[in-house]
Amino acid sequence: LFTMDIYKRLRPQAKERELLIVGRVWILLLVGISIAWIPVVQVAQGGQ
């Protein structure tokens, strides 16, 4: 999603090699944001 629908719109001239690397780097960023959200998950909906 990020590579084809967001990054490709921002850099239409991006080559295939760049898109593949960006897809991998985005995964790492996504992981960091998700870890920060874990405390919210822990207590939401009465712990269920």
All heavy atoms as atom14 arrays in JSON, in Angstrom:
{
  "sequence": "LFTMDIYKRLRPQAKERELLIVGRVWILLLVGISIAWIPVVQVAQGGQ",
  "atom14_mask": [
    [1, 1, 1, 1, 1, 1, 1, 1, 0, 0, 0, 0, 0, 0],
    [1, 1, 1, 1, 1, 1, 1, 1, 1, 1, 1, 0, 0, 0],
    [1, 1, 1, 1, 1, 1, 1, 0, 0, 0, 0, 0, 0, 0],
    [1, 1, 1, 1, 1, 1, 1, 1, 0, 0, 0, 0, 0, 0],
    [1, 1, 1, 1, 1, 1, 1, 1, 0, 0, 0, 0, 0, 0],
    [1, 1, 1, 1, 1, 1, 1, 1, 0, 0, 0, 0, 0, 0],
    [1, 1, 1, 1, 1, 1, 1, 1, 1, 1, 1, 1, 0, 0],
    [1, 1, 1, 1, 1, 1, 1, 1, 1, 0, 0, 0, 0, 0],
    [1, 1, 1, 1, 1, 1, 1, 1, 1, 1, 1, 0, 0, 0],
    [1, 1, 1, 1, 1, 1, 1, 1, 0, 0, 0, 0, 0, 0],
    [1, 1, 1, 1, 1, 1, 1, 1, 1, 1, 1, 0, 0, 0],
    [1, 1, 1, 1, 1, 1, 1, 0, 0, 0, 0, 0, 0, 0],
    [1, 1, 1, 1, 1, 1, 1, 1, 1, 0, 0, 0, 0, 0],
    [1, 1, 1, 1, 1, 0, 0, 0, 0, 0, 0, 0, 0, 0],
    [1, 1, 1, 1, 1, 1, 1, 1, 1, 0, 0, 0, 0, 0],
    [1, 1, 1, 1, 1, 1, 1, 1, 1, 0, 0, 0, 0, 0],
    [1, 1, 1, 1, 1, 1, 1, 1, 1, 1, 1, 0, 0, 0],
    [1, 1, 1, 1, 1, 1, 1, 1, 1, 0, 0, 0, 0, 0],
    [1, 1, 1, 1, 1, 1, 1, 1, 0, 0, 0, 0, 0, 0],
    [1, 1, 1, 1, 1, 1, 1, 1, 0, 0, 0, 0, 0, 0],
    [1, 1, 1, 1, 1, 1, 1, 1, 0, 0, 0, 0, 0, 0],
    [1, 1, 1, 1, 1, 1, 1, 0, 0, 0, 0, 0, 0, 0],
    [1, 1, 1, 1, 0, 0, 0, 0, 0, 0, 0, 0, 0, 0],
    [1, 1, 1, 1, 1, 1, 1, 1, 1, 1, 1, 0, 0, 0],
    [1, 1, 1, 1, 1, 1, 1, 0, 0, 0, 0, 0, 0, 0],
    [1, 1, 1, 1, 1, 1, 1, 1, 1, 1, 1, 1, 1, 1],
    [1, 1, 1, 1, 1, 1, 1, 1, 0, 0, 0, 0, 0, 0],
    [1, 1, 1, 1, 1, 1, 1, 1, 0, 0, 0, 0, 0, 0],
    [1, 1, 1, 1, 1, 1, 1, 1, 0, 0, 0, 0, 0, 0],
    [1, 1, 1, 1, 1, 1, 1, 1, 0, 0, 0, 0, 0, 0],
    [1, 1, 1, 1, 1, 1, 1, 0, 0, 0, 0, 0, 0, 0],
    [1, 1, 1, 1, 0, 0, 0, 0, 0, 0, 0, 0, 0, 0],
    [1, 1, 1, 1, 1, 1, 1, 1, 0, 0, 0, 0, 0, 0],
    [1, 1, 1, 1, 1, 1, 0, 0, 0, 0, 0, 0, 0, 0],
    [1, 1, 1, 1, 1, 1, 1, 1, 0, 0, 0, 0, 0, 0],
    [1, 1, 1, 1, 1, 0, 0, 0, 0, 0, 0, 0, 0, 0],
    [1, 1, 1, 1, 1, 1, 1, 1, 1, 1, 1, 1, 1, 1],
    [1, 1, 1, 1, 1, 1, 1, 1, 0, 0, 0, 0, 0, 0],
    [1, 1, 1, 1, 1, 1, 1, 0, 0, 0, 0, 0, 0, 0],
    [1, 1, 1, 1, 1, 1, 1, 0, 0, 0, 0, 0, 0, 0],
    [1, 1, 1, 1, 1, 1, 1, 0, 0, 0, 0, 0, 0, 0],
    [1, 1, 1, 1, 1, 1, 1, 1, 1, 0, 0, 0, 0, 0],
    [1, 1, 1, 1, 1, 1, 1, 0, 0, 0, 0, 0, 0, 0],
    [1, 1, 1, 1, 1, 0, 0, 0, 0, 0, 0, 0, 0, 0],
    [1, 1, 1, 1, 1, 1, 1, 1, 1, 0, 0, 0, 0, 0],
    [1, 1, 1, 1, 0, 0, 0, 0, 0, 0, 0, 0, 0, 0],
    [1, 1, 1, 1, 0, 0, 0, 0, 0, 0, 0, 0, 0, 0],
    [1, 1, 1, 1, 1, 1, 1, 1, 1, 0, 0, 0, 0, 0]
  ],
  "atom14_positions": [
    [[0.82, -1.21, 0.0], [0.0, 0.0, 0.0], [0.85, 1.26, 0.0], [0.64, 2.18, -0.8], [-0.91, 0.0, 1.23], [-2.17, -0.86, 1.18], [-2.9, -0.8, 2.53], [-3.1, -0.4, 0.07], [0.0, 0.0, 0.0], [0.0, 0.0, 0.0], [0.0, 0.0, 0.0], [0.0, 0.0, 0.0], [0.0, 0.0, 0.0], [0.0, 0.0, 0.0]],
    [[1.81, 1.31, 0.9], [2.62, 2.52, 1.02], [3.43, 2.76, -0.25], [3.5, 3.89, -0.75], [3.55, 2.42, 2.22], [4.4, 3.64, 2.41], [3.88, 4.78, 3.02], [5.72, 3.66, 1.99], [4.65, 5.91, 3.19], [6.51, 4.79, 2.15], [5.97, 5.92, 2.76], [0.0, 0.0, 0.0], [0.0, 0.0, 0.0], [0.0, 0.0, 0.0]],
    [[4.03, 1.71, -0.77], [4.91, 1.86, -1.93], [4.14, 2.27, -3.17], [4.51, 3.22, -3.87], [5.66, 0.55, -2.2], [6.39, 0.17, -1.03], [6.62, 0.7, -3.35], [0.0, 0.0, 0.0], [0.0, 0.0, 0.0], [0.0, 0.0, 0.0], [0.0, 0.0, 0.0], [0.0, 0.0, 0.0], [0.0, 0.0, 0.0], [0.0, 0.0, 0.0]],
    [[3.05, 1.56, -3.46], [2.34, 1.76, -4.73], [1.37, 2.93, -4.7], [1.14, 3.58, -5.72], [1.58, 0.49, -5.11], [2.49, -0.69, -5.36], [3.68, -0.31, -6.65], [4.67, -1.78, -6.64], [0.0, 0.0, 0.0], [0.0, 0.0, 0.0], [0.0, 0.0, 0.0], [0.0, 0.0, 0.0], [0.0, 0.0, 0.0], [0.0, 0.0, 0.0]],
    [[0.76, 3.2, -3.54], [-0.31, 4.18, -3.51], [0.08, 5.5, -2.86], [-0.65, 6.49, -3.0], [-1.53, 3.6, -2.77], [-2.13, 2.44, -3.53], [-2.35, 2.59, -4.73], [-2.35, 1.38, -2.92], [0.0, 0.0, 0.0], [0.0, 0.0, 0.0], [0.0, 0.0, 0.0], [0.0, 0.0, 0.0], [0.0, 0.0, 0.0], [0.0, 0.0, 0.0]],
    [[1.18, 5.55, -2.13], [1.59, 6.8, -1.51], [2.95, 7.26, -2.05], [3.06, 8.33, -2.65], [1.64, 6.65, 0.04], [0.24, 6.34, 0.58], [2.2, 7.93, 0.67], [0.19, 6.14, 2.07], [0.0, 0.0, 0.0], [0.0, 0.0, 0.0], [0.0, 0.0, 0.0], [0.0, 0.0, 0.0], [0.0, 0.0, 0.0], [0.0, 0.0, 0.0]],
    [[3.97, 6.41, -1.88], [5.32, 6.81, -2.3], [5.39, 7.02, -3.81], [6.01, 7.96, -4.28], [6.33, 5.76, -1.86], [7.77, 6.2, -2.05], [8.39, 7.02, -1.12], [8.49, 5.8, -3.17], [9.69, 7.44, -1.29], [9.81, 6.22, -3.35], [10.4, 7.03, -2.41], [11.69, 7.45, -2.6], [0.0, 0.0, 0.0], [0.0, 0.0, 0.0]],
    [[4.74, 6.15, -4.57], [4.76, 6.28, -6.03], [4.08, 7.57, -6.49], [4.44, 8.14, -7.52], [4.08, 5.07, -6.67], [4.13, 5.06, -8.2], [5.57, 4.93, -8.68], [5.62, 4.78, -10.19], [5.21, 5.99, -10.91], [0.0, 0.0, 0.0], [0.0, 0.0, 0.0], [0.0, 0.0, 0.0], [0.0, 0.0, 0.0], [0.0, 0.0, 0.0]],
    [[3.09, 8.04, -5.71], [2.45, 9.32, -6.03], [3.4, 10.48, -5.73], [3.42, 11.5, -6.43], [1.17, 9.5, -5.22], [0.07, 8.53, -5.53], [-0.35, 8.65, -6.99], [0.14, 7.54, -7.8], [0.1, 7.48, -9.1], [-0.39, 8.48, -9.79], [0.57, 6.43, -9.75], [0.0, 0.0, 0.0], [0.0, 0.0, 0.0], [0.0, 0.0, 0.0]],
    [[4.18, 10.35, -4.65], [5.1, 11.42, -4.27], [6.31, 11.47, -5.2], [6.84, 12.54, -5.49], [5.57, 11.22, -2.82], [4.49, 11.28, -1.75], [5.09, 10.96, -0.38], [3.83, 12.65, -1.72], [0.0, 0.0, 0.0], [0.0, 0.0, 0.0], [0.0, 0.0, 0.0], [0.0, 0.0, 0.0], [0.0, 0.0, 0.0], [0.0, 0.0, 0.0]],
    [[6.77, 10.27, -5.64], [7.92, 10.2, -6.54], [7.57, 9.35, -7.76], [7.91, 8.17, -7.83], [9.13, 9.6, -5.81], [9.89, 10.62, -4.96], [11.12, 9.99, -4.32], [12.01, 9.34, -5.27], [12.91, 9.99, -6.02], [13.02, 11.3, -5.94], [13.7, 9.33, -6.85], [0.0, 0.0, 0.0], [0.0, 0.0, 0.0], [0.0, 0.0, 0.0]],
    [[6.84, 9.93, -8.71], [6.43, 9.15, -9.88], [7.61, 8.66, -10.72], [7.47, 7.71, -11.49], [5.55, 10.12, -10.67], [5.93, 11.47, -10.17], [6.34, 11.3, -8.75], [0.0, 0.0, 0.0], [0.0, 0.0, 0.0], [0.0, 0.0, 0.0], [0.0, 0.0, 0.0], [0.0, 0.0, 0.0], [0.0, 0.0, 0.0], [0.0, 0.0, 0.0]],
    [[8.77, 9.31, -10.56], [9.94, 8.89, -11.32], [10.73, 7.78, -10.64], [11.75, 7.33, -11.16], [10.86, 10.1, -11.58], [11.68, 10.55, -10.36], [10.89, 11.47, -9.45], [9.67, 11.55, -9.57], [11.58, 12.16, -8.56], [0.0, 0.0, 0.0], [0.0, 0.0, 0.0], [0.0, 0.0, 0.0], [0.0, 0.0, 0.0], [0.0, 0.0, 0.0]],
    [[10.29, 7.34, -9.47], [11.03, 6.31, -8.72], [11.14, 5.02, -9.53], [10.16, 4.56, -10.12], [10.34, 6.03, -7.39], [0.0, 0.0, 0.0], [0.0, 0.0, 0.0], [0.0, 0.0, 0.0], [0.0, 0.0, 0.0], [0.0, 0.0, 0.0], [0.0, 0.0, 0.0], [0.0, 0.0, 0.0], [0.0, 0.0, 0.0], [0.0, 0.0, 0.0]],
    [[12.35, 4.43, -9.54], [12.57, 3.19, -10.25], [12.17, 2.0, -9.38], [11.94, 2.12, -8.18], [14.05, 3.08, -10.64], [14.57, 4.25, -11.46], [13.79, 4.42, -12.77], [14.33, 5.58, -13.61], [13.55, 5.77, -14.84], [0.0, 0.0, 0.0], [0.0, 0.0, 0.0], [0.0, 0.0, 0.0], [0.0, 0.0, 0.0], [0.0, 0.0, 0.0]],
    [[12.11, 0.84, -10.02], [11.67, -0.37, -9.32], [12.56, -0.69, -8.12], [12.08, -1.06, -7.05], [11.67, -1.56, -10.28], [11.26, -2.87, -9.64], [11.16, -3.97, -10.66], [10.18, -3.99, -11.41], [12.09, -4.79, -10.71], [0.0, 0.0, 0.0], [0.0, 0.0, 0.0], [0.0, 0.0, 0.0], [0.0, 0.0, 0.0], [0.0, 0.0, 0.0]],
    [[13.86, -0.55, -8.27], [14.79, -0.83, -7.18], [14.48, 0.04, -5.95], [14.46, -0.43, -4.82], [16.22, -0.59, -7.67], [17.31, -0.92, -6.64], [18.67, -0.54, -7.21], [19.76, -0.9, -6.31], [20.36, -2.07, -6.3], [19.96, -3.02, -7.12], [21.34, -2.3, -5.45], [0.0, 0.0, 0.0], [0.0, 0.0, 0.0], [0.0, 0.0, 0.0]],
    [[14.21, 1.32, -6.21], [13.89, 2.23, -5.12], [12.58, 1.85, -4.44], [12.47, 1.88, -3.2], [13.8, 3.66, -5.68], [13.46, 4.72, -4.64], [13.38, 6.11, -5.25], [13.85, 6.29, -6.4], [12.84, 7.01, -4.58], [0.0, 0.0, 0.0], [0.0, 0.0, 0.0], [0.0, 0.0, 0.0], [0.0, 0.0, 0.0], [0.0, 0.0, 0.0]],
    [[11.58, 1.46, -5.22], [10.3, 1.07, -4.64], [10.43, -0.15, -3.74], [9.81, -0.21, -2.67], [9.28, 0.79, -5.75], [8.83, 1.99, -6.58], [7.87, 1.53, -7.67], [8.18, 3.04, -5.7], [0.0, 0.0, 0.0], [0.0, 0.0, 0.0], [0.0, 0.0, 0.0], [0.0, 0.0, 0.0], [0.0, 0.0, 0.0], [0.0, 0.0, 0.0]],
    [[11.22, -1.11, -4.15], [11.39, -2.32, -3.35], [12.08, -2.01, -2.02], [11.71, -2.55, -0.97], [12.19, -3.37, -4.13], [11.45, -3.99, -5.32], [12.41, -4.84, -6.15], [10.28, -4.82, -4.87], [0.0, 0.0, 0.0], [0.0, 0.0, 0.0], [0.0, 0.0, 0.0], [0.0, 0.0, 0.0], [0.0, 0.0, 0.0], [0.0, 0.0, 0.0]],
    [[13.08, -1.15, -2.04], [13.78, -0.78, -0.8], [12.85, 0.02, 0.11], [12.79, -0.2, 1.32], [15.05, 0.03, -1.13], [16.06, -0.87, -1.86], [15.66, 0.6, 0.15], [17.31, -0.15, -2.32], [0.0, 0.0, 0.0], [0.0, 0.0, 0.0], [0.0, 0.0, 0.0], [0.0, 0.0, 0.0], [0.0, 0.0, 0.0], [0.0, 0.0, 0.0]],
    [[12.08, 0.95, -0.47], [11.16, 1.76, 0.32], [10.13, 0.87, 1.02], [9.76, 1.11, 2.18], [10.46, 2.81, -0.57], [9.26, 3.42, 0.14], [11.44, 3.89, -0.97], [0.0, 0.0, 0.0], [0.0, 0.0, 0.0], [0.0, 0.0, 0.0], [0.0, 0.0, 0.0], [0.0, 0.0, 0.0], [0.0, 0.0, 0.0], [0.0, 0.0, 0.0]],
    [[9.65, -0.16, 0.32], [8.68, -1.07, 0.93], [9.23, -1.72, 2.18], [8.52, -1.88, 3.19], [0.0, 0.0, 0.0], [0.0, 0.0, 0.0], [0.0, 0.0, 0.0], [0.0, 0.0, 0.0], [0.0, 0.0, 0.0], [0.0, 0.0, 0.0], [0.0, 0.0, 0.0], [0.0, 0.0, 0.0], [0.0, 0.0, 0.0], [0.0, 0.0, 0.0]],
    [[10.51, -2.12, 2.16], [11.14, -2.74, 3.34], [11.34, -1.74, 4.47], [11.1, -2.04, 5.64], [12.48, -3.35, 2.97], [12.43, -4.78, 2.45], [12.19, -4.86, 0.96], [12.47, -6.2, 0.44], [12.39, -6.52, -0.84], [12.02, -5.62, -1.72], [12.66, -7.74, -1.25], [0.0, 0.0, 0.0], [0.0, 0.0, 0.0], [0.0, 0.0, 0.0]],
    [[11.79, -0.53, 4.11], [12.05, 0.49, 5.14], [10.74, 0.9, 5.83], [10.7, 1.12, 7.04], [12.74, 1.72, 4.52], [12.86, 2.84, 5.53], [14.12, 1.33, 3.99], [0.0, 0.0, 0.0], [0.0, 0.0, 0.0], [0.0, 0.0, 0.0], [0.0, 0.0, 0.0], [0.0, 0.0, 0.0], [0.0, 0.0, 0.0], [0.0, 0.0, 0.0]],
    [[9.67, 0.97, 5.06], [8.39, 1.35, 5.64], [7.96, 0.36, 6.72], [7.36, 0.74, 7.74], [7.33, 1.43, 4.55], [5.94, 1.5, 5.1], [4.98, 0.56, 5.05], [5.36, 2.61, 5.81], [3.84, 0.97, 5.69], [4.04, 2.23, 6.16], [5.82, 3.86, 6.19], [3.18, 3.08, 6.86], [4.97, 4.7, 6.9], [3.67, 4.31, 7.23]],
    [[8.25, -0.91, 6.52], [7.9, -1.93, 7.52], [8.52, -1.59, 8.87], [7.86, -1.69, 9.92], [8.35, -3.32, 7.05], [7.51, -3.77, 5.84], [8.25, -4.34, 8.18], [8.0, -5.06, 5.22], [0.0, 0.0, 0.0], [0.0, 0.0, 0.0], [0.0, 0.0, 0.0], [0.0, 0.0, 0.0], [0.0, 0.0, 0.0], [0.0, 0.0, 0.0]],
    [[9.77, -1.16, 8.86], [10.46, -0.84, 10.11], [9.8, 0.34, 10.81], [9.64, 0.33, 12.04], [11.93, -0.54, 9.83], [12.74, -1.65, 9.16], [14.16, -1.2, 8.9], [12.72, -2.91, 10.01], [0.0, 0.0, 0.0], [0.0, 0.0, 0.0], [0.0, 0.0, 0.0], [0.0, 0.0, 0.0], [0.0, 0.0, 0.0], [0.0, 0.0, 0.0]],
    [[9.4, 1.34, 10.05], [8.74, 2.51, 10.64], [7.38, 2.11, 11.22], [7.0, 2.55, 12.32], [8.56, 3.59, 9.58], [7.84, 4.87, 10.02], [8.61, 5.55, 11.14], [7.65, 5.81, 8.85], [0.0, 0.0, 0.0], [0.0, 0.0, 0.0], [0.0, 0.0, 0.0], [0.0, 0.0, 0.0], [0.0, 0.0, 0.0], [0.0, 0.0, 0.0]],
    [[6.67, 1.27, 10.52], [5.36, 0.81, 10.97], [5.46, 0.07, 12.3], [4.62, 0.22, 13.19], [4.74, -0.1, 9.9], [3.23, -0.28, 9.88], [2.54, 1.04, 9.55], [2.85, -1.33, 8.86], [0.0, 0.0, 0.0], [0.0, 0.0, 0.0], [0.0, 0.0, 0.0], [0.0, 0.0, 0.0], [0.0, 0.0, 0.0], [0.0, 0.0, 0.0]],
    [[6.49, -0.73, 12.43], [6.71, -1.49, 13.66], [6.92, -0.55, 14.84], [6.35, -0.74, 15.93], [7.94, -2.42, 13.5], [8.39, -2.94, 14.85], [7.59, -3.59, 12.59], [0.0, 0.0, 0.0], [0.0, 0.0, 0.0], [0.0, 0.0, 0.0], [0.0, 0.0, 0.0], [0.0, 0.0, 0.0], [0.0, 0.0, 0.0], [0.0, 0.0, 0.0]],
    [[7.72, 0.51, 14.65], [7.98, 1.44, 15.74], [6.71, 2.13, 16.23], [6.48, 2.26, 17.45], [0.0, 0.0, 0.0], [0.0, 0.0, 0.0], [0.0, 0.0, 0.0], [0.0, 0.0, 0.0], [0.0, 0.0, 0.0], [0.0, 0.0, 0.0], [0.0, 0.0, 0.0], [0.0, 0.0, 0.0], [0.0, 0.0, 0.0], [0.0, 0.0, 0.0]],
    [[5.87, 2.56, 15.3], [4.61, 3.21, 15.68], [3.71, 2.24, 16.42], [3.07, 2.6, 17.43], [3.9, 3.76, 14.42], [4.78, 4.79, 13.71], [2.56, 4.37, 14.79], [4.23, 5.25, 12.37], [0.0, 0.0, 0.0], [0.0, 0.0, 0.0], [0.0, 0.0, 0.0], [0.0, 0.0, 0.0], [0.0, 0.0, 0.0], [0.0, 0.0, 0.0]],
    [[3.66, 1.0, 15.97], [2.78, 0.0, 16.59], [3.21, -0.32, 18.01], [2.38, -0.53, 18.89], [2.77, -1.28, 15.74], [2.3, -1.0, 14.44], [0.0, 0.0, 0.0], [0.0, 0.0, 0.0], [0.0, 0.0, 0.0], [0.0, 0.0, 0.0], [0.0, 0.0, 0.0], [0.0, 0.0, 0.0], [0.0, 0.0, 0.0], [0.0, 0.0, 0.0]],
    [[4.51, -0.39, 18.25], [5.0, -0.65, 19.62], [4.54, 0.46, 20.56], [4.14, 0.21, 21.7], [6.54, -0.78, 19.62], [6.96, -2.06, 18.9], [7.08, -0.79, 21.04], [8.46, -2.23, 18.77], [0.0, 0.0, 0.0], [0.0, 0.0, 0.0], [0.0, 0.0, 0.0], [0.0, 0.0, 0.0], [0.0, 0.0, 0.0], [0.0, 0.0, 0.0]],
    [[4.59, 1.7, 20.08], [4.16, 2.83, 20.91], [2.68, 2.76, 21.25], [2.23, 3.35, 22.25], [4.49, 4.14, 20.21], [0.0, 0.0, 0.0], [0.0, 0.0, 0.0], [0.0, 0.0, 0.0], [0.0, 0.0, 0.0], [0.0, 0.0, 0.0], [0.0, 0.0, 0.0], [0.0, 0.0, 0.0], [0.0, 0.0, 0.0], [0.0, 0.0, 0.0]],
    [[1.88, 2.05, 20.43], [0.43, 1.96, 20.64], [0.05, 0.82, 21.6], [-1.09, 0.76, 22.06], [-0.26, 1.78, 19.3], [-1.76, 1.9, 19.35], [-2.67, 0.9, 19.27], [-2.52, 3.11, 19.49], [-3.95, 1.39, 19.35], [-3.87, 2.76, 19.49], [-2.17, 4.46, 19.62], [-4.9, 3.7, 19.6], [-3.2, 5.39, 19.73], [-4.53, 5.01, 19.73]],
    [[0.97, -0.06, 21.92], [0.66, -1.23, 22.75], [0.05, -0.87, 24.1], [-0.91, -1.54, 24.53], [1.92, -2.1, 22.92], [2.22, -2.84, 21.61], [1.75, -3.11, 24.06], [3.46, -3.71, 21.65], [0.0, 0.0, 0.0], [0.0, 0.0, 0.0], [0.0, 0.0, 0.0], [0.0, 0.0, 0.0], [0.0, 0.0, 0.0], [0.0, 0.0, 0.0]],
    [[0.53, 0.15, 24.83], [-0.1, 0.47, 26.12], [-1.59, 0.78, 26.01], [-2.36, 0.49, 26.93], [0.69, 1.69, 26.6], [2.02, 1.57, 25.94], [1.73, 0.98, 24.59], [0.0, 0.0, 0.0], [0.0, 0.0, 0.0], [0.0, 0.0, 0.0], [0.0, 0.0, 0.0], [0.0, 0.0, 0.0], [0.0, 0.0, 0.0], [0.0, 0.0, 0.0]],
    [[-2.03, 1.37, 24.88], [-3.45, 1.65, 24.68], [-4.21, 0.34, 24.52], [-5.3, 0.15, 25.09], [-3.65, 2.55, 23.45], [-5.14, 2.8, 23.21], [-2.91, 3.87, 23.64], [0.0, 0.0, 0.0], [0.0, 0.0, 0.0], [0.0, 0.0, 0.0], [0.0, 0.0, 0.0], [0.0, 0.0, 0.0], [0.0, 0.0, 0.0], [0.0, 0.0, 0.0]],
    [[-3.67, -0.58, 23.75], [-4.31, -1.87, 23.54], [-4.47, -2.62, 24.86], [-5.48, -3.29, 25.1], [-3.48, -2.73, 22.55], [-4.1, -4.1, 22.38], [-3.38, -2.01, 21.21], [0.0, 0.0, 0.0], [0.0, 0.0, 0.0], [0.0, 0.0, 0.0], [0.0, 0.0, 0.0], [0.0, 0.0, 0.0], [0.0, 0.0, 0.0], [0.0, 0.0, 0.0]],
    [[-3.5, -2.48, 25.74], [-3.46, -3.25, 26.98], [-4.65, -2.98, 27.88], [-5.14, -3.87, 28.58], [-2.15, -2.95, 27.73], [-1.85, -3.9, 28.87], [-0.45, -3.66, 29.41], [0.18, -2.64, 29.11], [0.05, -4.6, 30.18], [0.0, 0.0, 0.0], [0.0, 0.0, 0.0], [0.0, 0.0, 0.0], [0.0, 0.0, 0.0], [0.0, 0.0, 0.0]],
    [[-5.16, -1.77, 27.89], [-6.23, -1.4, 28.82], [-7.57, -1.14, 28.13], [-8.57, -0.9, 28.8], [-5.84, -0.15, 29.64], [-4.59, -0.42, 30.44], [-5.62, 1.07, 28.72], [0.0, 0.0, 0.0], [0.0, 0.0, 0.0], [0.0, 0.0, 0.0], [0.0, 0.0, 0.0], [0.0, 0.0, 0.0], [0.0, 0.0, 0.0], [0.0, 0.0, 0.0]],
    [[-7.62, -1.2, 26.81], [-8.85, -0.86, 26.09], [-9.92, -1.92, 26.29], [-9.63, -3.1, 26.49], [-8.55, -0.69, 24.59], [0.0, 0.0, 0.0], [0.0, 0.0, 0.0], [0.0, 0.0, 0.0], [0.0, 0.0, 0.0], [0.0, 0.0, 0.0], [0.0, 0.0, 0.0], [0.0, 0.0, 0.0], [0.0, 0.0, 0.0], [0.0, 0.0, 0.0]],
    [[-11.19, -1.49, 26.21], [-12.35, -2.37, 26.29], [-12.3, -3.3, 27.51], [-12.56, -4.5, 27.41], [-12.49, -3.2, 25.0], [-12.9, -2.39, 23.8], [-14.31, -1.82, 23.92], [-15.19, -2.43, 24.52], [-14.51, -0.63, 23.36], [0.0, 0.0, 0.0], [0.0, 0.0, 0.0], [0.0, 0.0, 0.0], [0.0, 0.0, 0.0], [0.0, 0.0, 0.0]],
    [[-11.96, -2.74, 28.66], [-11.96, -3.52, 29.88], [-10.98, -4.67, 29.86], [-11.16, -5.66, 30.57], [0.0, 0.0, 0.0], [0.0, 0.0, 0.0], [0.0, 0.0, 0.0], [0.0, 0.0, 0.0], [0.0, 0.0, 0.0], [0.0, 0.0, 0.0], [0.0, 0.0, 0.0], [0.0, 0.0, 0.0], [0.0, 0.0, 0.0], [0.0, 0.0, 0.0]],
    [[-9.93, -4.54, 29.06], [-8.93, -5.59, 29.0], [-9.3, -6.75, 28.11], [-8.54, -7.72, 28.02], [0.0, 0.0, 0.0], [0.0, 0.0, 0.0], [0.0, 0.0, 0.0], [0.0, 0.0, 0.0], [0.0, 0.0, 0.0], [0.0, 0.0, 0.0], [0.0, 0.0, 0.0], [0.0, 0.0, 0.0], [0.0, 0.0, 0.0], [0.0, 0.0, 0.0]],
    [[-10.43, -6.69, 27.4], [-10.83, -7.77, 26.51], [-10.37, -7.43, 25.09], [-10.94, -6.57, 24.42], [-12.34, -7.99, 26.57], [-12.8, -8.51, 27.91], [-14.27, -8.88, 27.93], [-14.82, -9.31, 26.92], [-14.9, -8.72, 29.08], [0.0, 0.0, 0.0], [0.0, 0.0, 0.0], [0.0, 0.0, 0.0], [0.0, 0.0, 0.0], [0.0, 0.0, 0.0]]
  ]
}
